[in-house]
Amino acid sequence: MDHSDDQGVYDFILECLSDCITTHEHCDARNPVSLPSRLLEVSDQNHTCRLVEPAKDQLGTYMTLSYCWGNGNPLKLTRGLYNSFQNGISWIDLPQLFRDAIRITNRLGVSYLWIDSLCIVQDDRKDWEIESEKMASIYQNAHITIVAASAPDPEAPILGARGQQMEKAEFEFTEEDGSKSYLFSRCISDEPFWGLRGLSVIRVKNFQSRDWSQTIYNRGWTFQEDLLSRRTIHYLPNRVVWECWMSHCDERQLPRDPNHRKKRYKMPKPSQESWPELVTAYTVRNLTHTSDTLPAMSGIAYMVSEGTCDEYLAGLWRSSFVVHLAWYVCGFYIQSGSIEELASPCSPCKEYIAPTWSWASTAMKDTVEMHGKSEDARTLTVLIDAKVDVKGGNKFGEVSGGFIQLRGPVCEMQLYYDDGWYRVQPRPLKEGEVNETYQTRIFPDTRLCAGDGLLETGEVVPTICRKYADLQTEDFGLGDNAYHAIYMIALWRTRTHVAGIVIGRSPRVPGAYERLGMVNSRLKIEKGFVDSTITIV
């Protein structure tokens, strides 16, 4: 039985670290760095841990911990415990995971550790907003991030016995030119690992094939912690995996042929070009609190914004807004002919998270796909105005409201159900008539229902809307072809298709519309579409 705390494990990590610092130009090996506003000064040998506040200009080296909070209530920093934590945190009070992280930190020659629950005041909303805005720099500047992949919560250890070491076999043979070559083999691990950094541009298909058996790779918050960290060590149940922005090393990988040059790759910096893939990879994950949807992505958004003058609008960017507005929710399908068996996502967020035009408004119950603009695409709609009301001081964090004003081709539509799908068609001349020539499927953002929309005058008109928790009405019924005032605005077109969004009159804001879903069809916008200006909230 080998142990994850064996010296050989630390030798492996230190070898990877040395190689990274000395040869990886893209990993930016600067040290020391500016320290976060709070850190834990830790000593495994003396069993001490205390909260410290480095000076603003103080430089140093620190590590971070990426972990799952679980369903329990981990030890947390509060205003009432602040002074006590500065004097010292009882070793007995620390959960096992935190003790293990302290030991790893010290064994790697570092004395400072950042853990979110102990370095952010958890009962102070303002402090949480201030510190969460710094998340990008905290993880980027960390010497190494410890990823507690094998721990479902802080009470679980990541250091311990790991089972029998897998045997390796080595074979030597002679090439035709007389040179020596080597072949190595060993048993295949039953717990594969696909690292985040193994993806050239966060490729969604590869990302979704990653081993999700470890809870941490399912969590929303850990996405940016992993992605932003320049170096990570993943503590899996049976081994340790090293990742940095230029390499990926498995503690139990086969030795390399001495004649084989080590392959490296550059981890691309998150950018506006990779934003659609980032959103998709992020929405694969889960959040305990839907209010964290934008904050848990704020560090990546901050990183993308560096060096640009672009404006961040609740999960989208102004410069690519119209193109990326054609996002859609995957997997929405009515099965077995029953409205009660709708595939997820089921309902809109119970609390306000974002305007309906933002992917963040869907509560992350299923994957969001965001279209990138193809080479032959021609934009049909322009963004005239946009405003987002930010809740706190973090412009990449929570929002309390917002609107966009678009000008483009708009067509009045009818919604109906057919063969497991919601479909729309331009408004027919006769009620109940279905024109198969121009019908197209809609990818709904959420469950839909019939409701009352508000005109600018306050007059109430029938419409289709998202099924909010406070709307005591049935889902839009199967086979219900009754006419309701909904519309489609065409965003952009290619040689063969038109991408657009379906909107309905807002039941909350007079004169405004709310997004209902996305369409990508062969509709001819010359028929029934009128250039119009609309406001979506």
Protein backbone atom coordinates (compact mmCIF):
# COMPACT_ATOMS: atom_id res chain seq x y z
CA MET A 1 0.00 0.00 0.00
CA ASP A 2 1.43 3.39 -0.91
CA HIS A 3 0.39 6.72 0.60
CA SER A 4 -0.37 10.11 -0.94
CA ASP A 5 1.83 11.68 1.75
CA ASP A 6 4.89 9.63 0.78
CA GLN A 7 8.08 11.51 -0.03
CA GLY A 8 7.94 10.16 -3.59
CA VAL A 9 4.73 12.10 -4.20
CA TYR A 10 6.35 15.36 -3.09
CA ASP A 11 9.43 14.57 -5.19
CA PHE A 12 7.11 14.21 -8.21
CA ILE A 13 5.40 17.54 -7.49
CA LEU A 14 8.67 19.38 -6.86
CA GLU A 15 10.17 17.98 -10.08
CA CYS A 16 7.15 19.22 -12.06
CA LEU A 17 7.32 22.58 -10.28
CA SER A 18 11.02 23.00 -11.00
CA ASP A 19 10.50 22.16 -14.67
CA CYS A 20 7.62 24.64 -14.85
CA ILE A 21 9.51 27.50 -13.18
CA THR A 22 12.70 27.05 -15.20
CA THR A 23 11.38 26.19 -18.67
CA HIS A 24 7.74 27.31 -19.05
CA GLU A 25 7.72 30.89 -20.26
CA HIS A 26 3.93 30.98 -20.58
CA CYS A 27 3.39 29.93 -16.95
CA ASP A 28 4.85 33.28 -15.89
CA ALA A 29 6.96 32.06 -12.99
CA ARG A 30 7.15 35.42 -11.22
CA ASN A 31 7.71 35.08 -7.50
CA PRO A 32 7.21 36.64 -5.07
CA VAL A 33 3.84 38.23 -5.88
CA SER A 34 1.45 40.68 -4.26
CA LEU A 35 -0.38 38.88 -1.49
CA PRO A 36 -4.17 38.73 -1.03
CA SER A 37 -5.73 40.95 1.64
CA ARG A 38 -5.99 37.94 3.98
CA LEU A 39 -4.07 34.68 4.26
CA LEU A 40 -3.58 31.82 6.66
CA GLU A 41 -0.11 31.55 8.14
CA VAL A 42 0.23 27.81 8.64
CA SER A 43 2.56 25.26 10.22
CA ASP A 44 1.82 21.55 10.09
CA GLN A 45 4.76 20.75 12.37
CA ASN A 46 3.56 23.05 15.14
CA HIS A 47 -0.15 22.55 14.37
CA THR A 48 -0.71 26.28 14.07
CA CYS A 49 -2.96 28.27 11.76
CA ARG A 50 -3.82 31.94 12.11
CA LEU A 51 -5.41 34.62 9.98
CA VAL A 52 -3.05 37.39 8.88
CA GLU A 53 -3.49 40.63 6.93
CA PRO A 54 -0.43 41.27 4.74
CA ALA A 55 0.55 44.88 4.09
CA LYS A 56 -0.71 46.30 0.78
CA ASP A 57 2.78 46.35 -0.73
CA GLN A 58 3.91 43.06 0.82
CA LEU A 59 5.24 40.42 -1.55
CA GLY A 60 5.40 36.71 -0.92
CA THR A 61 4.42 33.19 -1.98
CA TYR A 62 1.15 31.47 -1.13
CA MET A 63 -0.95 28.50 -2.19
CA THR A 64 -4.71 28.11 -2.62
CA LEU A 65 -7.19 25.31 -2.01
CA SER A 66 -9.97 24.38 -4.43
CA TYR A 67 -12.54 22.13 -2.79
CA CYS A 68 -16.23 21.31 -2.35
CA TRP A 69 -18.11 22.73 0.60
CA GLY A 70 -20.46 19.75 0.54
CA ASN A 71 -23.77 19.71 2.39
CA GLY A 72 -22.25 20.41 5.77
CA ASN A 73 -21.28 23.63 7.48
CA PRO A 74 -17.48 24.00 7.28
CA LEU A 75 -15.53 26.20 9.64
CA LYS A 76 -16.04 29.79 8.46
CA LEU A 77 -14.64 33.23 9.13
CA THR A 78 -17.29 35.55 10.58
CA ARG A 79 -17.15 39.03 12.09
CA GLY A 80 -17.61 37.50 15.52
CA LEU A 81 -14.65 35.13 15.07
CA TYR A 82 -12.34 37.59 13.29
CA ASN A 83 -10.15 38.54 16.27
CA SER A 84 -10.07 34.95 17.46
CA PHE A 85 -8.85 33.73 14.06
CA GLN A 86 -6.09 36.35 14.12
CA ASN A 87 -4.88 34.96 17.45
CA GLY A 88 -4.98 31.43 16.10
CA ILE A 89 -7.44 28.81 14.87
CA SER A 90 -7.61 25.69 17.00
CA TRP A 91 -6.09 22.72 15.17
CA ILE A 92 -8.89 20.53 16.51
CA ASP A 93 -11.50 22.83 14.95
CA LEU A 94 -9.96 22.56 11.48
CA PRO A 95 -11.64 19.94 9.25
CA GLN A 96 -9.36 17.15 8.02
CA LEU A 97 -9.13 18.51 4.48
CA PHE A 98 -7.81 21.85 5.71
CA ARG A 99 -5.19 20.08 7.86
CA ASP A 100 -4.09 18.03 4.85
CA ALA A 101 -3.85 21.19 2.71
CA ILE A 102 -1.69 22.81 5.39
CA ARG A 103 0.62 19.79 5.42
CA ILE A 104 0.96 19.80 1.63
CA THR A 105 1.62 23.55 1.64
CA ASN A 106 4.41 23.20 4.21
CA ARG A 107 5.95 20.12 2.55
CA LEU A 108 6.28 22.20 -0.62
CA GLY A 109 8.11 24.92 1.29
CA VAL A 110 5.29 27.48 1.53
CA SER A 111 3.95 29.09 4.72
CA TYR A 112 0.85 30.88 3.46
CA LEU A 113 -2.42 29.30 2.34
CA TRP A 114 -5.65 30.88 1.03
CA ILE A 115 -8.95 29.09 1.75
CA ASP A 116 -12.12 30.94 0.80
CA SER A 117 -14.20 30.00 3.86
CA LEU A 118 -11.44 31.19 6.22
CA CYS A 119 -10.20 34.24 4.29
CA ILE A 120 -13.52 35.84 3.26
CA VAL A 121 -15.91 37.08 5.95
CA GLN A 122 -18.87 34.83 5.27
CA ASP A 123 -21.51 36.87 7.11
CA ASP A 124 -20.51 40.19 5.55
CA ARG A 125 -22.08 40.67 2.11
CA LYS A 126 -19.93 43.67 1.24
CA ASP A 127 -16.69 41.86 2.11
CA TRP A 128 -17.80 38.85 0.06
CA GLU A 129 -18.41 41.10 -2.98
CA ILE A 130 -15.04 42.84 -2.59
CA GLU A 131 -13.07 39.62 -2.21
CA SER A 132 -14.93 37.70 -4.93
CA GLU A 133 -13.98 40.46 -7.37
CA LYS A 134 -10.32 39.64 -6.61
CA MET A 135 -10.80 35.94 -7.29
CA ALA A 136 -9.04 36.05 -10.66
CA SER A 137 -5.83 37.56 -9.27
CA ILE A 138 -5.90 35.36 -6.15
CA TYR A 139 -5.83 32.12 -8.17
CA GLN A 140 -3.62 33.49 -10.95
CA ASN A 141 -0.95 34.63 -8.51
CA ALA A 142 -1.02 31.49 -6.37
CA HIS A 143 2.19 29.44 -6.40
CA ILE A 144 0.11 26.25 -6.72
CA THR A 145 -3.58 25.43 -6.27
CA ILE A 146 -4.39 22.21 -4.42
CA VAL A 147 -7.43 20.56 -6.02
CA ALA A 148 -9.15 18.29 -3.48
CA ALA A 149 -10.69 15.99 -6.10
CA SER A 150 -11.11 12.99 -3.80
CA ALA A 151 -12.82 14.91 -0.98
CA PRO A 152 -16.61 15.44 -1.24
CA ASP A 153 -16.49 17.90 1.67
CA PRO A 154 -13.96 19.47 4.10
CA GLU A 155 -14.30 16.62 6.60
CA ALA A 156 -12.81 14.13 4.12
CA PRO A 157 -9.02 13.71 3.82
CA ILE A 158 -6.98 13.82 0.63
CA LEU A 159 -3.88 12.29 2.23
CA GLY A 160 -4.07 8.58 2.92
CA ALA A 161 -3.43 5.04 1.73
CA ARG A 162 -4.19 4.60 -1.97
CA GLY A 163 -4.07 0.88 -2.65
CA GLN A 164 -1.45 -1.20 -4.43
CA GLN A 165 1.01 0.67 -6.64
CA MET A 166 0.51 -0.42 -10.24
CA GLU A 167 3.47 -2.36 -11.61
CA LYS A 168 5.33 -1.08 -14.66
CA ALA A 169 7.11 -3.24 -17.23
CA GLU A 170 10.03 -2.04 -19.36
CA PHE A 171 11.20 -3.51 -22.68
CA GLU A 172 14.32 -2.62 -24.61
CA PHE A 173 14.75 -3.29 -28.33
CA THR A 174 17.16 -2.31 -31.11
CA GLU A 175 16.15 -0.26 -34.13
CA GLU A 176 17.41 -1.04 -37.67
CA ASP A 177 20.02 1.69 -37.36
CA GLY A 178 21.36 0.13 -34.16
CA SER A 179 19.89 2.68 -31.76
CA LYS A 180 18.15 1.59 -28.57
CA SER A 181 14.45 2.22 -27.98
CA TYR A 182 12.24 1.43 -25.03
CA LEU A 183 8.64 0.36 -24.53
CA PHE A 184 6.86 0.77 -21.21
CA SER A 185 3.56 -0.71 -20.08
CA ARG A 186 1.37 -0.90 -16.99
CA CYS A 187 -2.23 -1.63 -16.01
CA ILE A 188 -4.73 1.00 -17.09
CA SER A 189 -6.20 2.97 -14.21
CA ASP A 190 -9.92 2.51 -13.72
CA GLU A 191 -10.22 6.22 -12.92
CA PRO A 192 -9.28 8.19 -16.04
CA PHE A 193 -8.56 11.89 -15.81
CA TRP A 194 -9.03 14.46 -18.53
CA GLY A 195 -7.39 17.65 -17.39
CA LEU A 196 -8.85 21.05 -18.07
CA ARG A 197 -5.54 22.14 -19.56
CA GLY A 198 -5.45 19.28 -22.03
CA LEU A 199 -8.02 21.11 -24.10
CA SER A 200 -6.60 23.34 -26.79
CA VAL A 201 -9.37 25.89 -26.41
CA ILE A 202 -11.56 24.33 -23.71
CA ARG A 203 -13.02 22.00 -26.32
CA VAL A 204 -16.53 21.23 -25.19
CA LYS A 205 -16.73 17.62 -26.39
CA ASN A 206 -13.48 16.73 -24.66
CA PHE A 207 -14.52 18.65 -21.57
CA GLN A 208 -17.77 16.76 -21.32
CA SER A 209 -15.93 13.44 -21.61
CA ARG A 210 -13.84 14.29 -18.56
CA ASP A 211 -14.16 11.93 -15.61
CA TRP A 212 -17.03 13.43 -13.62
CA SER A 213 -16.91 10.82 -10.83
CA GLN A 214 -15.17 13.36 -8.62
CA THR A 215 -17.67 15.85 -7.21
CA ILE A 216 -15.33 18.80 -7.53
CA TYR A 217 -15.43 18.67 -11.34
CA ASN A 218 -19.20 19.06 -11.18
CA ARG A 219 -19.17 22.25 -9.14
CA GLY A 220 -19.59 25.69 -10.69
CA TRP A 221 -17.22 27.61 -8.42
CA THR A 222 -14.28 25.27 -9.00
CA PHE A 223 -14.39 25.88 -12.77
CA GLN A 224 -12.70 29.28 -12.57
CA GLU A 225 -10.49 28.18 -9.67
CA ASP A 226 -9.07 25.43 -11.87
CA LEU A 227 -8.90 27.45 -15.07
CA LEU A 228 -7.31 30.59 -13.60
CA SER A 229 -4.62 28.83 -11.55
CA ARG A 230 -1.24 28.76 -13.26
CA ARG A 231 -0.41 25.44 -11.55
CA THR A 232 -2.65 22.81 -9.99
CA ILE A 233 -2.08 19.51 -8.23
CA HIS A 234 -5.13 17.24 -8.34
CA TYR A 235 -5.42 14.79 -5.45
CA LEU A 236 -7.39 11.88 -6.94
CA PRO A 237 -8.23 8.71 -4.97
CA ASN A 238 -5.38 6.70 -6.50
CA ARG A 239 -2.81 9.25 -7.65
CA VAL A 240 -1.73 12.87 -8.00
CA VAL A 241 -1.92 14.75 -11.30
CA TRP A 242 0.03 17.92 -12.07
CA GLU A 243 -1.24 20.54 -14.49
CA CYS A 244 0.12 23.92 -15.45
CA TRP A 245 -0.46 26.23 -18.40
CA MET A 246 2.09 24.29 -20.46
CA SER A 247 2.14 20.68 -19.26
CA HIS A 248 0.17 17.79 -17.83
CA CYS A 249 1.90 15.07 -15.77
CA ASP A 250 0.43 12.02 -14.08
CA GLU A 251 2.27 10.68 -11.05
CA ARG A 252 1.73 7.16 -12.35
CA GLN A 253 2.28 7.81 -16.02
CA LEU A 254 4.74 5.64 -17.89
CA PRO A 255 8.39 6.68 -18.06
CA ARG A 256 9.33 8.36 -21.31
CA ASP A 257 11.70 6.94 -23.89
CA PRO A 258 14.96 8.87 -23.37
CA ASN A 259 14.95 9.64 -27.12
CA HIS A 260 11.43 11.08 -26.92
CA ARG A 261 11.20 14.82 -26.59
CA LYS A 262 8.64 15.91 -24.01
CA LYS A 263 5.57 17.41 -25.63
CA ARG A 264 4.16 20.63 -24.29
CA TYR A 265 1.30 22.84 -25.16
CA LYS A 266 0.24 26.35 -24.35
CA MET A 267 -2.96 26.75 -22.38
CA PRO A 268 -4.84 29.56 -24.12
CA LYS A 269 -5.78 32.53 -22.03
CA PRO A 270 -9.58 32.84 -21.73
CA SER A 271 -10.69 35.30 -24.39
CA GLN A 272 -13.76 36.62 -26.16
CA GLU A 273 -13.08 34.14 -28.97
CA SER A 274 -13.28 31.22 -26.53
CA TRP A 275 -16.17 32.72 -24.53
CA PRO A 276 -18.88 30.49 -26.10
CA GLU A 277 -16.90 27.38 -25.20
CA LEU A 278 -16.21 28.69 -21.70
CA VAL A 279 -19.92 29.31 -21.09
CA THR A 280 -20.80 25.82 -22.30
CA ALA A 281 -18.11 24.19 -20.16
CA TYR A 282 -19.24 26.21 -17.14
CA THR A 283 -22.95 25.44 -17.50
CA VAL A 284 -22.22 21.70 -17.50
CA ARG A 285 -21.58 22.21 -13.79
CA ASN A 286 -23.86 22.72 -10.79
CA LEU A 287 -24.33 25.45 -8.22
CA THR A 288 -25.87 25.13 -4.77
CA HIS A 289 -27.12 28.71 -4.94
CA THR A 290 -28.40 30.00 -8.29
CA SER A 291 -27.50 33.52 -7.16
CA ASP A 292 -23.85 32.49 -7.68
CA THR A 293 -24.32 31.96 -11.43
CA LEU A 294 -22.57 35.17 -12.48
CA PRO A 295 -20.21 35.57 -9.46
CA ALA A 296 -18.79 32.06 -9.97
CA MET A 297 -17.79 33.10 -13.51
CA SER A 298 -16.66 36.62 -12.56
CA GLY A 299 -12.97 35.80 -12.26
CA ILE A 300 -12.86 34.47 -15.81
CA ALA A 301 -14.87 37.47 -17.05
CA TYR A 302 -12.38 39.78 -15.36
CA MET A 303 -9.48 37.96 -17.03
CA VAL A 304 -11.17 38.23 -20.45
CA SER A 305 -11.74 41.95 -19.92
CA GLU A 306 -8.07 42.71 -19.25
CA GLY A 307 -6.55 44.75 -22.05
CA THR A 308 -9.89 45.48 -23.73
CA CYS A 309 -12.41 48.30 -23.55
CA ASP A 310 -15.34 45.95 -24.03
CA GLU A 311 -18.38 46.09 -21.77
CA TYR A 312 -19.57 43.04 -19.86
CA LEU A 313 -23.34 42.64 -19.90
CA ALA A 314 -24.50 39.94 -17.47
CA GLY A 315 -22.64 37.09 -19.17
CA LEU A 316 -22.25 38.53 -22.68
CA TRP A 317 -19.92 41.09 -24.27
CA ARG A 318 -21.08 44.22 -26.07
CA SER A 319 -18.76 43.73 -29.08
CA SER A 320 -20.15 40.25 -29.83
CA PHE A 321 -23.55 40.69 -28.24
CA VAL A 322 -25.86 40.05 -31.20
CA VAL A 323 -23.96 36.93 -32.29
CA HIS A 324 -23.77 35.43 -28.80
CA LEU A 325 -27.39 36.32 -28.08
CA ALA A 326 -28.22 33.21 -30.14
CA TRP A 327 -27.43 30.90 -27.20
CA TYR A 328 -29.75 27.99 -26.53
CA VAL A 329 -30.42 25.40 -23.85
CA CYS A 330 -29.58 21.80 -24.78
CA GLY A 331 -31.76 18.79 -24.05
CA PHE A 332 -35.17 20.44 -23.89
CA TYR A 333 -37.66 17.92 -25.25
CA ILE A 334 -41.16 16.79 -24.27
CA GLN A 335 -41.05 13.03 -23.83
CA SER A 336 -43.86 10.46 -23.90
CA GLY A 337 -46.40 13.10 -24.91
CA SER A 338 -46.72 14.40 -21.35
CA ILE A 339 -46.16 17.98 -20.33
CA GLU A 340 -45.18 16.70 -16.88
CA GLU A 341 -42.18 14.87 -18.34
CA LEU A 342 -40.35 17.88 -19.68
CA ALA A 343 -36.62 17.32 -19.78
CA SER A 344 -34.55 19.78 -17.76
CA PRO A 345 -34.36 22.70 -17.47
CA CYS A 346 -37.78 22.80 -15.82
CA SER A 347 -38.44 26.28 -14.57
CA PRO A 348 -36.84 29.71 -14.53
CA CYS A 349 -34.87 30.72 -11.44
CA LYS A 350 -37.08 31.28 -8.41
CA GLU A 351 -35.09 34.41 -7.63
CA TYR A 352 -33.96 37.08 -10.06
CA ILE A 353 -30.53 36.20 -11.45
CA ALA A 354 -30.25 38.02 -14.77
CA PRO A 355 -32.32 39.56 -17.58
CA THR A 356 -34.04 36.99 -19.78
CA TRP A 357 -31.66 37.71 -22.66
CA SER A 358 -28.75 36.37 -20.58
CA TRP A 359 -27.91 32.66 -20.45
CA ALA A 360 -27.49 33.14 -16.69
CA SER A 361 -31.28 33.43 -16.32
CA THR A 362 -31.75 29.70 -16.99
CA ALA A 363 -30.56 28.48 -13.56
CA MET A 364 -27.84 26.22 -15.05
CA LYS A 365 -30.06 23.14 -15.02
CA ASP A 366 -28.68 22.02 -18.37
CA THR A 367 -25.88 22.91 -20.74
CA VAL A 368 -26.03 26.20 -22.61
CA GLU A 369 -24.61 26.23 -26.14
CA MET A 370 -23.56 29.61 -27.49
CA HIS A 371 -23.12 30.15 -31.22
CA GLY A 372 -19.91 31.62 -32.53
CA LYS A 373 -20.18 33.66 -35.70
CA SER A 374 -19.42 31.65 -38.83
CA GLU A 375 -17.45 33.17 -41.68
CA ASP A 376 -20.44 33.49 -43.99
CA ALA A 377 -22.78 34.94 -41.33
CA ARG A 378 -24.31 38.38 -41.89
CA THR A 379 -25.64 40.31 -38.91
CA LEU A 380 -29.26 41.43 -39.30
CA THR A 381 -29.82 43.13 -35.95
CA VAL A 382 -27.92 45.88 -34.14
CA LEU A 383 -27.63 46.59 -30.43
CA ILE A 384 -28.80 50.17 -29.92
CA ASP A 385 -28.59 50.40 -26.14
CA ALA A 386 -27.88 48.20 -23.14
CA LYS A 387 -27.75 48.68 -19.39
CA VAL A 388 -27.18 46.30 -16.51
CA ASP A 389 -27.78 47.17 -12.85
CA VAL A 390 -25.00 45.61 -10.79
CA LYS A 391 -25.93 44.60 -7.25
CA GLY A 392 -22.62 45.29 -5.52
CA GLY A 393 -19.19 46.60 -6.40
CA ASN A 394 -18.24 43.71 -8.68
CA LYS A 395 -19.25 44.64 -12.22
CA PHE A 396 -18.81 40.99 -13.23
CA GLY A 397 -20.97 39.71 -10.37
CA GLU A 398 -24.63 39.71 -9.38
CA VAL A 399 -27.12 41.96 -11.15
CA SER A 400 -30.50 43.29 -10.07
CA GLY A 401 -31.87 44.28 -13.47
CA GLY A 402 -31.10 45.30 -17.01
CA PHE A 403 -32.41 45.85 -20.50
CA ILE A 404 -31.27 45.82 -24.12
CA GLN A 405 -32.68 47.69 -27.09
CA LEU A 406 -32.37 45.99 -30.47
CA ARG A 407 -33.26 47.04 -33.99
CA GLY A 408 -33.79 44.32 -36.56
CA PRO A 409 -36.28 42.19 -38.55
CA VAL A 410 -39.25 41.17 -36.36
CA CYS A 411 -42.10 38.82 -37.25
CA GLU A 412 -45.27 38.00 -35.32
CA MET A 413 -45.38 34.29 -34.51
CA GLN A 414 -47.63 31.51 -33.25
CA LEU A 415 -46.41 28.86 -30.82
CA TYR A 416 -47.71 25.29 -30.92
CA TYR A 417 -46.65 21.78 -29.93
CA ASP A 418 -45.88 18.97 -32.37
CA ASP A 419 -44.19 15.59 -32.01
CA GLY A 420 -42.29 16.35 -28.81
CA TRP A 421 -41.16 19.84 -29.79
CA TYR A 422 -42.40 23.36 -29.42
CA ARG A 423 -42.59 24.97 -32.84
CA VAL A 424 -43.27 28.45 -34.14
CA GLN A 425 -44.51 29.75 -37.47
CA PRO A 426 -45.35 33.21 -38.79
CA ARG A 427 -48.84 34.19 -37.71
CA PRO A 428 -51.38 32.36 -39.92
CA LEU A 429 -54.25 34.07 -41.66
CA LYS A 430 -56.69 31.78 -39.85
CA GLU A 431 -56.52 30.78 -36.19
CA GLY A 432 -55.36 27.19 -35.67
CA GLU A 433 -53.93 26.95 -39.20
CA VAL A 434 -50.48 25.36 -39.45
CA ASN A 435 -48.25 26.34 -42.33
CA GLU A 436 -45.67 23.55 -42.58
CA THR A 437 -43.64 25.50 -45.13
CA TYR A 438 -42.51 28.09 -42.60
CA GLN A 439 -42.75 26.26 -39.28
CA THR A 440 -39.58 25.78 -37.27
CA ARG A 441 -38.60 24.26 -33.95
CA ILE A 442 -37.91 26.46 -30.96
CA PHE A 443 -35.37 25.69 -28.25
CA PRO A 444 -37.19 27.06 -25.17
CA ASP A 445 -35.09 28.64 -22.44
CA THR A 446 -37.44 27.30 -19.73
CA ARG A 447 -40.93 25.89 -19.33
CA LEU A 448 -43.45 28.16 -20.99
CA CYS A 449 -47.01 29.09 -20.13
CA ALA A 450 -49.81 31.32 -21.33
CA GLY A 451 -49.87 34.63 -19.54
CA ASP A 452 -50.74 38.31 -19.67
CA GLY A 453 -48.34 40.72 -21.35
CA LEU A 454 -48.34 44.46 -20.78
CA LEU A 455 -48.44 47.09 -23.52
CA GLU A 456 -46.89 50.52 -22.96
CA THR A 457 -50.32 51.85 -22.05
CA GLY A 458 -50.71 49.20 -19.36
CA GLU A 459 -53.28 47.32 -21.42
CA VAL A 460 -53.16 43.56 -20.90
CA VAL A 461 -52.79 41.25 -23.91
CA PRO A 462 -52.48 37.44 -24.10
CA THR A 463 -48.91 36.21 -24.57
CA ILE A 464 -46.54 33.33 -23.86
CA CYS A 465 -44.06 33.80 -21.03
CA ARG A 466 -41.59 31.91 -18.90
CA LYS A 467 -43.28 29.97 -16.14
CA TYR A 468 -42.14 31.91 -13.09
CA ALA A 469 -42.77 30.49 -9.64
CA ASP A 470 -45.32 33.19 -8.83
CA LEU A 471 -47.41 32.51 -11.94
CA GLN A 472 -50.26 30.20 -10.96
CA THR A 473 -50.96 28.87 -14.43
CA GLU A 474 -50.54 25.63 -16.35
CA ASP A 475 -47.75 24.96 -18.84
CA PHE A 476 -48.49 25.82 -22.43
CA GLY A 477 -50.63 22.77 -23.26
CA LEU A 478 -49.98 19.98 -25.70
CA GLY A 479 -51.78 20.58 -28.97
CA ASP A 480 -52.75 24.10 -27.90
CA ASN A 481 -52.76 26.07 -31.13
CA ALA A 482 -54.60 29.09 -29.74
CA TYR A 483 -53.03 32.30 -30.97
CA HIS A 484 -50.87 34.32 -28.59
CA ALA A 485 -48.85 37.42 -29.35
CA ILE A 486 -45.23 36.27 -29.58
CA TYR A 487 -42.49 37.41 -31.92
CA MET A 488 -39.20 36.39 -33.48
CA ILE A 489 -36.33 38.79 -34.09
CA ALA A 490 -33.77 37.58 -36.64
CA LEU A 491 -30.22 38.14 -35.35
CA TRP A 492 -28.00 36.92 -38.18
CA ARG A 493 -28.10 34.67 -41.21
CA THR A 494 -25.84 32.38 -43.20
CA ARG A 495 -26.38 31.17 -46.75
CA THR A 496 -28.82 28.53 -45.52
CA HIS A 497 -30.09 29.48 -42.06
CA VAL A 498 -31.41 32.34 -39.96
CA ALA A 499 -30.64 32.50 -36.23
CA GLY A 500 -33.01 34.41 -34.01
CA ILE A 501 -34.74 34.54 -30.65
CA VAL A 502 -38.41 34.21 -29.77
CA ILE A 503 -39.82 36.84 -27.42
CA GLY A 504 -43.13 37.53 -25.71
CA ARG A 505 -44.68 40.58 -24.11
CA SER A 506 -43.30 41.07 -20.61
CA PRO A 507 -45.81 40.43 -17.80
CA ARG A 508 -43.70 42.67 -15.55
CA VAL A 509 -42.46 45.68 -17.56
CA PRO A 510 -45.01 47.58 -19.70
CA GLY A 511 -43.99 47.84 -23.35
CA ALA A 512 -41.01 45.50 -22.99
CA TYR A 513 -40.43 41.91 -24.10
CA GLU A 514 -38.87 38.84 -22.49
CA ARG A 515 -36.85 36.16 -24.21
CA LEU A 516 -38.52 32.72 -24.52
CA GLY A 517 -36.14 30.69 -26.66
CA MET A 518 -33.92 30.44 -29.71
CA VAL A 519 -34.53 29.34 -33.30
CA ASN A 520 -32.11 28.40 -36.06
CA SER A 521 -34.11 27.75 -39.20
CA ARG A 522 -34.50 28.15 -42.95
CA LEU A 523 -37.17 30.85 -42.60
CA LYS A 524 -37.12 33.53 -45.27
CA ILE A 525 -36.96 36.85 -43.48
CA GLU A 526 -38.31 38.61 -46.54
CA LYS A 527 -41.77 37.21 -45.71
CA GLY A 528 -43.56 38.74 -42.72
CA PHE A 529 -40.53 40.38 -41.09
CA VAL A 530 -40.62 44.13 -40.41
CA ASP A 531 -37.67 46.24 -39.27
CA SER A 532 -38.51 47.21 -35.68
CA THR A 533 -36.99 48.49 -32.44
CA ILE A 534 -37.71 46.46 -29.31
CA THR A 535 -36.68 46.44 -25.65
CA ILE A 536 -35.97 43.13 -23.88
CA VAL A 537 -35.70 42.80 -20.10
